Amino acid sequence: MTEEMVVFLARESFYYVLLIAGPLLLLSLIVGLTVSIFQAATSISEQTLTFVPKLIVVFIVTVAVMPFMISNLKTFTIELFNMIPELG
């Protein structure tokens, strides 16, 4: 395995991790920020208030984006399996 191959695999791995986890993390960040602004505006100091909306949004987005996630994981897995003969 060459250095270029290792760098390529690391780059592709990070790309697919960001592509799959990015929408979930971004929406969780937006919901948390929105709830925090609401808490600051209304002086509600409940610490667990941000947890439930984030959990609901992440669940809904996971269900909605699941075909996209599985498609990307399948593509990456097929690429990895196709590289096996080149390594040996």
PDB file of N, CA and C in Angstrom:
ATOM      1  N   MET A   1       0.863  -1.168   0.000  1.00  0.00           N
ATOM      2  CA  MET A   1       0.000   0.000   0.000  1.00  0.00           C
ATOM      3  C   MET A   1       0.911   1.233   0.000  1.00  0.00           C
ATOM      4  N   THR A   2       0.685   2.111  -0.929  1.00  0.00           N
ATOM      5  CA  THR A   2       1.521   3.300  -1.054  1.00  0.00           C
ATOM      6  C   THR A   2       0.978   4.428  -0.189  1.00  0.00           C
ATOM      7  N   GLU A   3       1.800   5.439  -0.037  1.00  0.00           N
ATOM      8  CA  GLU A   3       1.378   6.599   0.744  1.00  0.00           C
ATOM      9  C   GLU A   3       0.202   7.313   0.089  1.00  0.00           C
ATOM     10  N   GLU A   4       0.208   7.350  -1.244  1.00  0.00           N
ATOM     11  CA  GLU A   4      -0.893   7.994  -1.965  1.00  0.00           C
ATOM     12  C   GLU A   4      -2.212   7.279  -1.713  1.00  0.00           C
ATOM     13  N   MET A   5      -2.143   5.956  -1.628  1.00  0.00           N
ATOM     14  CA  MET A   5      -3.349   5.171  -1.377  1.00  0.00           C
ATOM     15  C   MET A   5      -3.881   5.443   0.029  1.00  0.00           C
ATOM     16  N   VAL A   6      -2.983   5.541   1.003  1.00  0.00           N
ATOM     17  CA  VAL A   6      -3.402   5.816   2.383  1.00  0.00           C
ATOM     18  C   VAL A   6      -4.031   7.200   2.480  1.00  0.00           C
ATOM     19  N   VAL A   7      -3.405   8.181   1.841  1.00  0.00           N
ATOM     20  CA  VAL A   7      -3.955   9.541   1.853  1.00  0.00           C
ATOM     21  C   VAL A   7      -5.308   9.569   1.145  1.00  0.00           C
ATOM     22  N   PHE A   8      -5.411   8.855   0.037  1.00  0.00           N
ATOM     23  CA  PHE A   8      -6.683   8.798  -0.687  1.00  0.00           C
ATOM     24  C   PHE A   8      -7.783   8.175   0.175  1.00  0.00           C
ATOM     25  N   LEU A   9      -7.470   7.079   0.853  1.00  0.00           N
ATOM     26  CA  LEU A   9      -8.465   6.413   1.707  1.00  0.00           C
ATOM     27  C   LEU A   9      -8.865   7.294   2.883  1.00  0.00           C
ATOM     28  N   ALA A  10      -7.899   7.975   3.477  1.00  0.00           N
ATOM     29  CA  ALA A  10      -8.220   8.869   4.597  1.00  0.00           C
ATOM     30  C   ALA A  10      -9.086  10.027   4.126  1.00  0.00           C
ATOM     31  N   ARG A  11      -8.756  10.605   2.975  1.00  0.00           N
ATOM     32  CA  ARG A  11      -9.537  11.724   2.444  1.00  0.00           C
ATOM     33  C   ARG A  11     -10.959  11.289   2.113  1.00  0.00           C
ATOM     34  N   GLU A  12     -11.086  10.155   1.452  1.00  0.00           N
ATOM     35  CA  GLU A  12     -12.417   9.647   1.107  1.00  0.00           C
ATOM     36  C   GLU A  12     -13.219   9.301   2.356  1.00  0.00           C
ATOM     37  N   SER A  13     -12.569   8.745   3.353  1.00  0.00           N
ATOM     38  CA  SER A  13     -13.262   8.398   4.600  1.00  0.00           C
ATOM     39  C   SER A  13     -13.805   9.644   5.280  1.00  0.00           C
ATOM     40  N   PHE A  14     -12.976  10.675   5.404  1.00  0.00           N
ATOM     41  CA  PHE A  14     -13.439  11.924   6.012  1.00  0.00           C
ATOM     42  C   PHE A  14     -14.546  12.567   5.190  1.00  0.00           C
ATOM     43  N   TYR A  15     -14.435  12.484   3.866  1.00  0.00           N
ATOM     44  CA  TYR A  15     -15.470  13.050   3.001  1.00  0.00           C
ATOM     45  C   TYR A  15     -16.815  12.376   3.252  1.00  0.00           C
ATOM     46  N   TYR A  16     -16.820  11.052   3.297  1.00  0.00           N
ATOM     47  CA  TYR A  16     -18.079  10.342   3.499  1.00  0.00           C
ATOM     48  C   TYR A  16     -18.623  10.525   4.913  1.00  0.00           C
ATOM     49  N   VAL A  17     -17.745  10.640   5.895  1.00  0.00           N
ATOM     50  CA  VAL A  17     -18.213  10.911   7.265  1.00  0.00           C
ATOM     51  C   VAL A  17     -18.903  12.268   7.318  1.00  0.00           C
ATOM     52  N   LEU A  18     -18.285  13.276   6.715  1.00  0.00           N
ATOM     53  CA  LEU A  18     -18.909  14.607   6.692  1.00  0.00           C
ATOM     54  C   LEU A  18     -20.191  14.614   5.877  1.00  0.00           C
ATOM     55  N   LEU A  19     -20.201  13.887   4.786  1.00  0.00           N
ATOM     56  CA  LEU A  19     -21.392  13.844   3.939  1.00  0.00           C
ATOM     57  C   LEU A  19     -22.558  13.166   4.646  1.00  0.00           C
ATOM     58  N   ILE A  20     -22.287  12.155   5.445  1.00  0.00           N
ATOM     59  CA  ILE A  20     -23.344  11.417   6.118  1.00  0.00           C
ATOM     60  C   ILE A  20     -23.754  12.095   7.422  1.00  0.00           C
ATOM     61  N   ALA A  21     -22.794  12.537   8.213  1.00  0.00           N
ATOM     62  CA  ALA A  21     -23.112  13.121   9.513  1.00  0.00           C
ATOM     63  C   ALA A  21     -23.393  14.616   9.442  1.00  0.00           C
ATOM     64  N   GLY A  22     -22.980  15.258   8.366  1.00  0.00           N
ATOM     65  CA  GLY A  22     -23.134  16.703   8.243  1.00  0.00           C
ATOM     66  C   GLY A  22     -24.549  17.223   8.408  1.00  0.00           C
ATOM     67  N   PRO A  23     -25.521  16.694   7.672  1.00  0.00           N
ATOM     68  CA  PRO A  23     -26.887  17.204   7.828  1.00  0.00           C
ATOM     69  C   PRO A  23     -27.437  17.048   9.245  1.00  0.00           C
ATOM     70  N   LEU A  24     -27.127  15.924   9.879  1.00  0.00           N
ATOM     71  CA  LEU A  24     -27.609  15.708  11.246  1.00  0.00           C
ATOM     72  C   LEU A  24     -26.982  16.703  12.211  1.00  0.00           C
ATOM     73  N   LEU A  25     -25.677  16.888  12.100  1.00  0.00           N
ATOM     74  CA  LEU A  25     -24.989  17.811  13.001  1.00  0.00           C
ATOM     75  C   LEU A  25     -25.408  19.254  12.758  1.00  0.00           C
ATOM     76  N   LEU A  26     -25.570  19.615  11.507  1.00  0.00           N
ATOM     77  CA  LEU A  26     -25.960  20.983  11.177  1.00  0.00           C
ATOM     78  C   LEU A  26     -27.351  21.313  11.707  1.00  0.00           C
ATOM     79  N   LEU A  27     -28.303  20.424  11.501  1.00  0.00           N
ATOM     80  CA  LEU A  27     -29.649  20.682  12.003  1.00  0.00           C
ATOM     81  C   LEU A  27     -29.716  20.643  13.525  1.00  0.00           C
ATOM     82  N   SER A  28     -28.935  19.782  14.133  1.00  0.00           N
ATOM     83  CA  SER A  28     -28.873  19.762  15.597  1.00  0.00           C
ATOM     84  C   SER A  28     -28.309  21.078  16.125  1.00  0.00           C
ATOM     85  N   LEU A  29     -27.304  21.606  15.447  1.00  0.00           N
ATOM     86  CA  LEU A  29     -26.731  22.893  15.825  1.00  0.00           C
ATOM     87  C   LEU A  29     -27.749  24.014  15.683  1.00  0.00           C
ATOM     88  N   ILE A  30     -28.489  24.023  14.583  1.00  0.00           N
ATOM     89  CA  ILE A  30     -29.485  25.071  14.339  1.00  0.00           C
ATOM     90  C   ILE A  30     -30.604  25.002  15.378  1.00  0.00           C
ATOM     91  N   VAL A  31     -31.085  23.802  15.674  1.00  0.00           N
ATOM     92  CA  VAL A  31     -32.159  23.657  16.666  1.00  0.00           C
ATOM     93  C   VAL A  31     -31.665  24.066  18.049  1.00  0.00           C
ATOM     94  N   GLY A  32     -30.463  23.661  18.412  1.00  0.00           N
ATOM     95  CA  GLY A  32     -29.913  24.037  19.708  1.00  0.00           C
ATOM     96  C   GLY A  32     -29.735  25.541  19.839  1.00  0.00           C
ATOM     97  N   LEU A  33     -29.258  26.178  18.778  1.00  0.00           N
ATOM     98  CA  LEU A  33     -29.089  27.624  18.798  1.00  0.00           C
ATOM     99  C   LEU A  33     -30.439  28.339  18.896  1.00  0.00           C
ATOM    100  N   THR A  34     -31.428  27.861  18.168  1.00  0.00           N
ATOM    101  CA  THR A  34     -32.761  28.463  18.210  1.00  0.00           C
ATOM    102  C   THR A  34     -33.375  28.342  19.607  1.00  0.00           C
ATOM    103  N   VAL A  35     -33.276  27.166  20.199  1.00  0.00           N
ATOM    104  CA  VAL A  35     -33.832  26.971  21.540  1.00  0.00           C
ATOM    105  C   VAL A  35     -33.062  27.812  22.558  1.00  0.00           C
ATOM    106  N   SER A  36     -31.762  27.937  22.395  1.00  0.00           N
ATOM    107  CA  SER A  36     -30.972  28.761  23.314  1.00  0.00           C
ATOM    108  C   SER A  36     -31.354  30.231  23.222  1.00  0.00           C
ATOM    109  N   ILE A  37     -31.591  30.706  22.000  1.00  0.00           N
ATOM    110  CA  ILE A  37     -32.043  32.091  21.834  1.00  0.00           C
ATOM    111  C   ILE A  37     -33.412  32.280  22.475  1.00  0.00           C
ATOM    112  N   PHE A  38     -34.303  31.304  22.295  1.00  0.00           N
ATOM    113  CA  PHE A  38     -35.620  31.358  22.928  1.00  0.00           C
ATOM    114  C   PHE A  38     -35.495  31.367  24.445  1.00  0.00           C
ATOM    115  N   GLN A  39     -34.597  30.550  24.986  1.00  0.00           N
ATOM    116  CA  GLN A  39     -34.391  30.518  26.436  1.00  0.00           C
ATOM    117  C   GLN A  39     -33.848  31.847  26.945  1.00  0.00           C
ATOM    118  N   ALA A  40     -32.941  32.444  26.203  1.00  0.00           N
ATOM    119  CA  ALA A  40     -32.374  33.724  26.625  1.00  0.00           C
ATOM    120  C   ALA A  40     -33.413  34.833  26.563  1.00  0.00           C
ATOM    121  N   ALA A  41     -34.287  34.777  25.565  1.00  0.00           N
ATOM    122  CA  ALA A  41     -35.302  35.816  25.416  1.00  0.00           C
ATOM    123  C   ALA A  41     -36.391  35.713  26.476  1.00  0.00           C
ATOM    124  N   THR A  42     -36.686  34.501  26.912  1.00  0.00           N
ATOM    125  CA  THR A  42     -37.773  34.316  27.882  1.00  0.00           C
ATOM    126  C   THR A  42     -37.277  34.054  29.302  1.00  0.00           C
ATOM    127  N   SER A  43     -35.992  34.046  29.504  1.00  0.00           N
ATOM    128  CA  SER A  43     -35.374  33.799  30.818  1.00  0.00           C
ATOM    129  C   SER A  43     -35.730  32.438  31.402  1.00  0.00           C
ATOM    130  N   ILE A  44     -35.938  31.466  30.544  1.00  0.00           N
ATOM    131  CA  ILE A  44     -36.156  30.088  30.992  1.00  0.00           C
ATOM    132  C   ILE A  44     -34.778  29.458  31.158  1.00  0.00           C
ATOM    133  N   SER A  45     -34.508  28.911  32.329  1.00  0.00           N
ATOM    134  CA  SER A  45     -33.172  28.365  32.586  1.00  0.00           C
ATOM    135  C   SER A  45     -33.178  26.844  32.693  1.00  0.00           C
ATOM    136  N   GLU A  46     -34.059  26.200  32.010  1.00  0.00           N
ATOM    137  CA  GLU A  46     -34.127  24.740  32.041  1.00  0.00           C
ATOM    138  C   GLU A  46     -33.025  24.167  31.142  1.00  0.00           C
ATOM    139  N   GLN A  47     -32.154  23.347  31.717  1.00  0.00           N
ATOM    140  CA  GLN A  47     -31.015  22.827  30.977  1.00  0.00           C
ATOM    141  C   GLN A  47     -31.394  21.716  29.997  1.00  0.00           C
ATOM    142  N   THR A  48     -32.448  20.991  30.303  1.00  0.00           N
ATOM    143  CA  THR A  48     -32.821  19.859  29.461  1.00  0.00           C
ATOM    144  C   THR A  48     -33.767  20.247  28.330  1.00  0.00           C
ATOM    145  N   LEU A  49     -34.120  21.507  28.225  1.00  0.00           N
ATOM    146  CA  LEU A  49     -35.078  21.942  27.210  1.00  0.00           C
ATOM    147  C   LEU A  49     -34.535  21.752  25.792  1.00  0.00           C
ATOM    148  N   THR A  50     -33.242  21.870  25.582  1.00  0.00           N
ATOM    149  CA  THR A  50     -32.692  21.727  24.236  1.00  0.00           C
ATOM    150  C   THR A  50     -32.589  20.270  23.811  1.00  0.00           C
ATOM    151  N   PHE A  51     -32.592  19.345  24.758  1.00  0.00           N
ATOM    152  CA  PHE A  51     -32.379  17.938  24.428  1.00  0.00           C
ATOM    153  C   PHE A  51     -33.524  17.340  23.612  1.00  0.00           C
ATOM    154  N   VAL A  52     -34.744  17.539  24.030  1.00  0.00           N
ATOM    155  CA  VAL A  52     -35.892  16.905  23.368  1.00  0.00           C
ATOM    156  C   VAL A  52     -36.084  17.414  21.936  1.00  0.00           C
ATOM    157  N   PRO A  53     -36.063  18.735  21.671  1.00  0.00           N
ATOM    158  CA  PRO A  53     -36.197  19.168  20.275  1.00  0.00           C
ATOM    159  C   PRO A  53     -35.059  18.656  19.385  1.00  0.00           C
ATOM    160  N   LYS A  54     -33.837  18.635  19.908  1.00  0.00           N
ATOM    161  CA  LYS A  54     -32.719  18.104  19.117  1.00  0.00           C
ATOM    162  C   LYS A  54     -32.935  16.635  18.808  1.00  0.00           C
ATOM    163  N   LEU A  55     -33.366  15.879  19.792  1.00  0.00           N
ATOM    164  CA  LEU A  55     -33.603  14.456  19.607  1.00  0.00           C
ATOM    165  C   LEU A  55     -34.675  14.207  18.551  1.00  0.00           C
ATOM    166  N   ILE A  56     -35.748  14.962  18.602  1.00  0.00           N
ATOM    167  CA  ILE A  56     -36.837  14.802  17.635  1.00  0.00           C
ATOM    168  C   ILE A  56     -36.369  15.173  16.228  1.00  0.00           C
ATOM    169  N   VAL A  57     -35.669  16.294  16.093  1.00  0.00           N
ATOM    170  CA  VAL A  57     -35.203  16.737  14.778  1.00  0.00           C
ATOM    171  C   VAL A  57     -34.190  15.760  14.193  1.00  0.00           C
ATOM    172  N   VAL A  58     -33.271  15.287  15.015  1.00  0.00           N
ATOM    173  CA  VAL A  58     -32.269  14.338  14.519  1.00  0.00           C
ATOM    174  C   VAL A  58     -32.952  13.038  14.090  1.00  0.00           C
ATOM    175  N   PHE A  59     -33.938  12.587  14.821  1.00  0.00           N
ATOM    176  CA  PHE A  59     -34.657  11.372  14.432  1.00  0.00           C
ATOM    177  C   PHE A  59     -35.380  11.562  13.107  1.00  0.00           C
ATOM    178  N   ILE A  60     -36.093  12.669  12.965  1.00  0.00           N
ATOM    179  CA  ILE A  60     -36.847  12.925  11.732  1.00  0.00           C
ATOM    180  C   ILE A  60     -35.904  13.060  10.539  1.00  0.00           C
ATOM    181  N   VAL A  61     -34.811  13.787  10.723  1.00  0.00           N
ATOM    182  CA  VAL A  61     -33.863  13.973   9.620  1.00  0.00           C
ATOM    183  C   VAL A  61     -33.168  12.654   9.284  1.00  0.00           C
ATOM    184  N   THR A  62     -32.869  11.846  10.285  1.00  0.00           N
ATOM    185  CA  THR A  62     -32.253  10.549  10.024  1.00  0.00           C
ATOM    186  C   THR A  62     -33.172   9.679   9.185  1.00  0.00           C
ATOM    187  N   VAL A  63     -34.439   9.651   9.524  1.00  0.00           N
ATOM    188  CA  VAL A  63     -35.391   8.858   8.752  1.00  0.00           C
ATOM    189  C   VAL A  63     -35.533   9.421   7.331  1.00  0.00           C
ATOM    190  N   ALA A  64     -35.550  10.746   7.202  1.00  0.00           N
ATOM    191  CA  ALA A  64     -35.733  11.360   5.888  1.00  0.00           C
ATOM    192  C   ALA A  64     -34.513  11.196   4.993  1.00  0.00           C
ATOM    193  N   VAL A  65     -33.318  11.205   5.579  1.00  0.00           N
ATOM    194  CA  VAL A  65     -32.084  11.189   4.796  1.00  0.00           C
ATOM    195  C   VAL A  65     -31.479   9.784   4.721  1.00  0.00           C
ATOM    196  N   MET A  66     -32.127   8.807   5.324  1.00  0.00           N
ATOM    197  CA  MET A  66     -31.583   7.450   5.366  1.00  0.00           C
ATOM    198  C   MET A  66     -31.269   6.866   3.982  1.00  0.00           C
ATOM    199  N   PRO A  67     -32.112   7.009   2.959  1.00  0.00           N
ATOM    200  CA  PRO A  67     -31.732   6.465   1.641  1.00  0.00           C
ATOM    201  C   PRO A  67     -30.448   7.091   1.094  1.00  0.00           C
ATOM    202  N   PHE A  68     -30.272   8.385   1.299  1.00  0.00           N
ATOM    203  CA  PHE A  68     -29.055   9.074   0.872  1.00  0.00           C
ATOM    204  C   PHE A  68     -27.842   8.538   1.622  1.00  0.00           C
ATOM    205  N   MET A  69     -27.986   8.342   2.929  1.00  0.00           N
ATOM    206  CA  MET A  69     -26.884   7.824   3.742  1.00  0.00           C
ATOM    207  C   MET A  69     -26.491   6.414   3.309  1.00  0.00           C
ATOM    208  N   ILE A  70     -27.478   5.571   3.122  1.00  0.00           N
ATOM    209  CA  ILE A  70     -27.206   4.189   2.738  1.00  0.00           C
ATOM    210  C   ILE A  70     -26.581   4.130   1.352  1.00  0.00           C
ATOM    211  N   SER A  71     -27.043   4.971   0.450  1.00  0.00           N
ATOM    212  CA  SER A  71     -26.470   5.013  -0.897  1.00  0.00           C
ATOM    213  C   SER A  71     -25.002   5.399  -0.851  1.00  0.00           C
ATOM    214  N   ASN A  72     -24.671   6.407  -0.058  1.00  0.00           N
ATOM    215  CA  ASN A  72     -23.277   6.824   0.048  1.00  0.00           C
ATOM    216  C   ASN A  72     -22.411   5.760   0.717  1.00  0.00           C
ATOM    217  N   LEU A  73     -22.925   5.138   1.760  1.00  0.00           N
ATOM    218  CA  LEU A  73     -22.172   4.071   2.414  1.00  0.00           C
ATOM    219  C   LEU A  73     -21.955   2.889   1.474  1.00  0.00           C
ATOM    220  N   LYS A  74     -22.963   2.586   0.673  1.00  0.00           N
ATOM    221  CA  LYS A  74     -22.837   1.491  -0.282  1.00  0.00           C
ATOM    222  C   LYS A  74     -21.786   1.821  -1.337  1.00  0.00           C
ATOM    223  N   THR A  75     -21.795   3.058  -1.828  1.00  0.00           N
ATOM    224  CA  THR A  75     -20.800   3.478  -2.819  1.00  0.00           C
ATOM    225  C   THR A  75     -19.390   3.378  -2.260  1.00  0.00           C
ATOM    226  N   PHE A  76     -19.192   3.869  -1.037  1.00  0.00           N
ATOM    227  CA  PHE A  76     -17.870   3.826  -0.422  1.00  0.00           C
ATOM    228  C   PHE A  76     -17.424   2.390  -0.169  1.00  0.00           C
ATOM    229  N   THR A  77     -18.329   1.544   0.278  1.00  0.00           N
ATOM    230  CA  THR A  77     -17.988   0.146   0.529  1.00  0.00           C
ATOM    231  C   THR A  77     -17.611  -0.570  -0.753  1.00  0.00           C
ATOM    232  N   ILE A  78     -18.333  -0.304  -1.831  1.00  0.00           N
ATOM    233  CA  ILE A  78     -18.001  -0.923  -3.118  1.00  0.00           C
ATOM    234  C   ILE A  78     -16.637  -0.442  -3.602  1.00  0.00           C
ATOM    235  N   GLU A  79     -16.343   0.855  -3.404  1.00  0.00           N
ATOM    236  CA  GLU A  79     -15.021   1.362  -3.770  1.00  0.00           C
ATOM    237  C   GLU A  79     -13.929   0.652  -2.979  1.00  0.00           C
ATOM    238  N   LEU A  80     -14.147   0.445  -1.687  1.00  0.00           N
ATOM    239  CA  LEU A  80     -13.151  -0.244  -0.861  1.00  0.00           C
ATOM    240  C   LEU A  80     -12.947  -1.684  -1.304  1.00  0.00           C
ATOM    241  N   PHE A  81     -14.026  -2.389  -1.591  1.00  0.00           N
ATOM    242  CA  PHE A  81     -13.899  -3.770  -2.026  1.00  0.00           C
ATOM    243  C   PHE A  81     -13.244  -3.869  -3.401  1.00  0.00           C
ATOM    244  N   ASN A  82     -13.474  -2.885  -4.265  1.00  0.00           N
ATOM    245  CA  ASN A  82     -12.827  -2.891  -5.564  1.00  0.00           C
ATOM    246  C   ASN A  82     -11.323  -2.607  -5.471  1.00  0.00           C
ATOM    247  N   MET A  83     -10.883  -1.987  -4.371  1.00  0.00           N
ATOM    248  CA  MET A  83      -9.459  -1.703  -4.176  1.00  0.00           C
ATOM    249  C   MET A  83      -8.687  -2.887  -3.629  1.00  0.00           C
ATOM    250  N   ILE A  84      -9.356  -3.898  -3.124  1.00  0.00           N
ATOM    251  CA  ILE A  84      -8.682  -5.029  -2.492  1.00  0.00           C
ATOM    252  C   ILE A  84      -7.723  -5.727  -3.461  1.00  0.00           C
ATOM    253  N   PRO A  85      -8.094  -6.011  -4.704  1.00  0.00           N
ATOM    254  CA  PRO A  85      -7.119  -6.669  -5.597  1.00  0.00           C
ATOM    255  C   PRO A  85      -5.870  -5.821  -5.864  1.00  0.00           C
ATOM    256  N   GLU A  86      -6.000  -4.511  -5.841  1.00  0.00           N
ATOM    257  CA  GLU A  86      -4.846  -3.655  -6.074  1.00  0.00           C
ATOM    258  C   GLU A  86      -3.845  -3.712  -4.928  1.00  0.00           C
ATOM    259  N   LEU A  87      -4.314  -4.039  -3.718  1.00  0.00           N
ATOM    260  CA  LEU A  87      -3.442  -4.060  -2.562  1.00  0.00           C
ATOM    261  C   LEU A  87      -2.574  -5.304  -2.494  1.00  0.00           C
ATOM    262  N   GLY A  88      -3.060  -6.397  -3.023  1.00  0.00           N
ATOM    263  CA  GLY A  88      -2.348  -7.651  -2.877  1.00  0.00           C
ATOM    264  C   GLY A  88      -1.540  -8.033  -4.021  1.00  0.00           C
TER     265      GLY A  88
END
